[in-house]
Amino acid sequence: MDEKLSTDTAAAARHARFGKLPERIRFEDMAEEVEPAPAGGVRTYNPEGSWKYYSCLALDLGL
């Protein structure tokens, strides 16, 4: 009989804490519309960061 009573107490505690699910969020509220950047945007040259995009097969092979 004590097991049933403790189970009911635990179930009541769970129900008090998690008894109700949060309200559902609509898809329209989750999605954000952003204007794309123009295709002919201004690009600046960064000489200090250009090494990141440099690729050479001879250097990759150690030649």
N, C-alpha and C. Protein backbone atom coordinates (compact mmCIF):
# COMPACT_ATOMS: atom_id res chain seq x y z
N MET A 1 0.81 -1.19 0.00
CA MET A 1 0.00 0.00 0.00
C MET A 1 0.86 1.26 0.00
N ASP A 2 2.02 1.20 0.66
CA ASP A 2 2.90 2.37 0.69
C ASP A 2 3.46 2.67 -0.69
N GLU A 3 3.71 1.62 -1.49
CA GLU A 3 4.23 1.85 -2.85
C GLU A 3 3.23 2.65 -3.68
N LYS A 4 1.99 2.31 -3.60
CA LYS A 4 0.96 3.02 -4.36
C LYS A 4 0.88 4.48 -3.91
N LEU A 5 0.99 4.71 -2.62
CA LEU A 5 0.92 6.06 -2.10
C LEU A 5 2.11 6.89 -2.55
N SER A 6 3.32 6.31 -2.53
CA SER A 6 4.50 7.05 -2.98
C SER A 6 4.47 7.28 -4.48
N THR A 7 3.95 6.33 -5.23
CA THR A 7 3.82 6.49 -6.68
C THR A 7 2.85 7.62 -7.00
N ASP A 8 1.76 7.68 -6.28
CA ASP A 8 0.80 8.75 -6.49
C ASP A 8 1.40 10.11 -6.13
N THR A 9 2.20 10.14 -5.09
CA THR A 9 2.85 11.39 -4.69
C THR A 9 3.82 11.84 -5.76
N ALA A 10 4.60 10.88 -6.29
CA ALA A 10 5.55 11.21 -7.35
C ALA A 10 4.81 11.65 -8.61
N ALA A 11 3.73 10.98 -8.93
CA ALA A 11 2.95 11.35 -10.11
C ALA A 11 2.34 12.73 -9.93
N ALA A 12 1.89 13.04 -8.74
CA ALA A 12 1.32 14.37 -8.48
C ALA A 12 2.40 15.44 -8.60
N ALA A 13 3.61 15.15 -8.11
CA ALA A 13 4.70 16.12 -8.22
C ALA A 13 5.07 16.34 -9.68
N ARG A 14 5.13 15.25 -10.46
CA ARG A 14 5.43 15.39 -11.90
C ARG A 14 4.35 16.18 -12.61
N HIS A 15 3.13 15.92 -12.27
CA HIS A 15 2.03 16.62 -12.92
C HIS A 15 2.04 18.11 -12.55
N ALA A 16 2.41 18.42 -11.31
CA ALA A 16 2.47 19.83 -10.91
C ALA A 16 3.58 20.55 -11.65
N ARG A 17 4.67 19.84 -11.93
CA ARG A 17 5.80 20.48 -12.61
C ARG A 17 5.65 20.48 -14.12
N PHE A 18 5.24 19.34 -14.69
CA PHE A 18 5.19 19.18 -16.14
C PHE A 18 3.78 18.90 -16.64
N GLY A 19 2.78 19.33 -15.96
CA GLY A 19 1.41 18.95 -16.28
C GLY A 19 0.88 19.49 -17.59
N LYS A 20 1.46 20.57 -18.09
CA LYS A 20 0.91 21.18 -19.29
C LYS A 20 2.04 21.46 -20.27
N LEU A 21 1.84 21.12 -21.52
CA LEU A 21 2.84 21.40 -22.55
C LEU A 21 2.81 22.88 -22.91
N PRO A 22 3.94 23.43 -23.34
CA PRO A 22 3.93 24.83 -23.78
C PRO A 22 3.09 24.99 -25.04
N GLU A 23 2.65 26.20 -25.28
CA GLU A 23 1.82 26.44 -26.46
C GLU A 23 2.63 26.22 -27.73
N ARG A 24 1.95 25.74 -28.74
CA ARG A 24 2.60 25.44 -30.02
C ARG A 24 2.98 26.73 -30.74
N ILE A 25 4.17 26.73 -31.34
CA ILE A 25 4.65 27.90 -32.08
C ILE A 25 4.34 27.67 -33.55
N ARG A 26 3.73 28.65 -34.18
CA ARG A 26 3.39 28.53 -35.60
C ARG A 26 4.66 28.63 -36.44
N PHE A 27 4.64 28.02 -37.62
CA PHE A 27 5.79 28.07 -38.52
C PHE A 27 6.08 29.49 -38.96
N GLU A 28 5.04 30.28 -39.17
CA GLU A 28 5.23 31.66 -39.61
C GLU A 28 6.00 32.47 -38.56
N ASP A 29 5.84 32.11 -37.30
CA ASP A 29 6.56 32.81 -36.24
C ASP A 29 8.01 32.35 -36.14
N MET A 30 8.31 31.15 -36.64
CA MET A 30 9.67 30.63 -36.57
C MET A 30 10.53 31.13 -37.73
N ALA A 31 9.94 31.32 -38.89
CA ALA A 31 10.70 31.71 -40.08
C ALA A 31 10.89 33.22 -40.10
N GLU A 32 12.05 33.64 -40.56
CA GLU A 32 12.34 35.06 -40.66
C GLU A 32 12.70 35.37 -42.10
N GLU A 33 12.04 36.34 -42.68
CA GLU A 33 12.31 36.72 -44.05
C GLU A 33 13.36 37.83 -44.06
N VAL A 34 14.41 37.63 -44.87
CA VAL A 34 15.49 38.59 -44.96
C VAL A 34 15.73 38.90 -46.42
N GLU A 35 15.89 40.16 -46.74
CA GLU A 35 16.19 40.54 -48.12
C GLU A 35 17.61 40.09 -48.47
N PRO A 36 17.78 39.44 -49.62
CA PRO A 36 19.13 39.02 -50.01
C PRO A 36 19.98 40.21 -50.44
N ALA A 37 21.27 40.03 -50.30
CA ALA A 37 22.20 41.08 -50.73
C ALA A 37 22.21 41.13 -52.26
N PRO A 38 22.42 42.29 -52.84
CA PRO A 38 22.46 42.36 -54.31
C PRO A 38 23.62 41.54 -54.86
N ALA A 39 23.43 40.96 -56.05
CA ALA A 39 24.44 40.08 -56.64
C ALA A 39 25.72 40.82 -56.99
N GLY A 40 25.62 42.06 -57.36
CA GLY A 40 26.78 42.84 -57.74
C GLY A 40 27.33 43.65 -56.58
N GLY A 41 27.32 43.06 -55.38
CA GLY A 41 27.73 43.78 -54.18
C GLY A 41 29.21 44.16 -54.23
N VAL A 42 29.57 45.09 -53.38
CA VAL A 42 30.94 45.58 -53.32
C VAL A 42 31.78 44.56 -52.57
N ARG A 43 32.87 44.15 -53.18
CA ARG A 43 33.79 43.22 -52.54
C ARG A 43 35.12 43.93 -52.34
N THR A 44 35.67 43.81 -51.18
CA THR A 44 36.94 44.44 -50.90
C THR A 44 38.02 43.38 -50.80
N TYR A 45 39.21 43.73 -51.18
CA TYR A 45 40.35 42.82 -51.13
C TYR A 45 41.04 42.97 -49.78
N ASN A 46 41.23 41.86 -49.12
CA ASN A 46 41.91 41.85 -47.83
C ASN A 46 43.21 41.05 -47.99
N PRO A 47 44.36 41.70 -48.14
CA PRO A 47 45.60 40.96 -48.38
C PRO A 47 46.01 40.08 -47.20
N GLU A 48 45.65 40.45 -45.98
CA GLU A 48 46.02 39.63 -44.83
C GLU A 48 45.18 38.36 -44.73
N GLY A 49 44.00 38.38 -45.27
CA GLY A 49 43.14 37.20 -45.21
C GLY A 49 43.13 36.40 -46.50
N SER A 50 43.92 36.81 -47.49
CA SER A 50 43.88 36.13 -48.78
C SER A 50 44.52 34.75 -48.73
N TRP A 51 45.39 34.48 -47.77
CA TRP A 51 46.04 33.18 -47.68
C TRP A 51 45.03 32.07 -47.40
N LYS A 52 43.89 32.40 -46.86
CA LYS A 52 42.88 31.40 -46.53
C LYS A 52 42.31 30.76 -47.80
N TYR A 53 42.33 31.49 -48.89
CA TYR A 53 41.68 31.03 -50.11
C TYR A 53 42.68 30.60 -51.17
N TYR A 54 43.95 30.54 -50.83
CA TYR A 54 44.99 30.20 -51.80
C TYR A 54 45.18 28.69 -51.80
N SER A 55 45.18 28.08 -52.95
CA SER A 55 45.38 26.65 -53.04
C SER A 55 46.33 26.37 -54.20
N CYS A 56 47.33 25.55 -53.94
CA CYS A 56 48.29 25.20 -54.97
C CYS A 56 48.65 23.74 -54.77
N LEU A 57 48.53 22.95 -55.83
CA LEU A 57 48.80 21.52 -55.74
C LEU A 57 50.26 21.26 -55.39
N ALA A 58 51.18 22.04 -55.96
CA ALA A 58 52.60 21.83 -55.67
C ALA A 58 52.87 22.08 -54.18
N LEU A 59 52.27 23.10 -53.60
CA LEU A 59 52.46 23.35 -52.17
C LEU A 59 51.81 22.28 -51.32
N ASP A 60 50.64 21.79 -51.76
CA ASP A 60 49.98 20.74 -51.00
C ASP A 60 50.79 19.45 -50.99
N LEU A 61 51.53 19.18 -52.08
CA LEU A 61 52.34 17.96 -52.15
C LEU A 61 53.73 18.17 -51.53
N GLY A 62 54.03 19.38 -51.18
CA GLY A 62 55.33 19.66 -50.57
C GLY A 62 56.44 19.77 -51.59
N LEU A 63 56.13 20.11 -52.82
CA LEU A 63 57.15 20.22 -53.86
C LEU A 63 57.74 21.59 -53.92
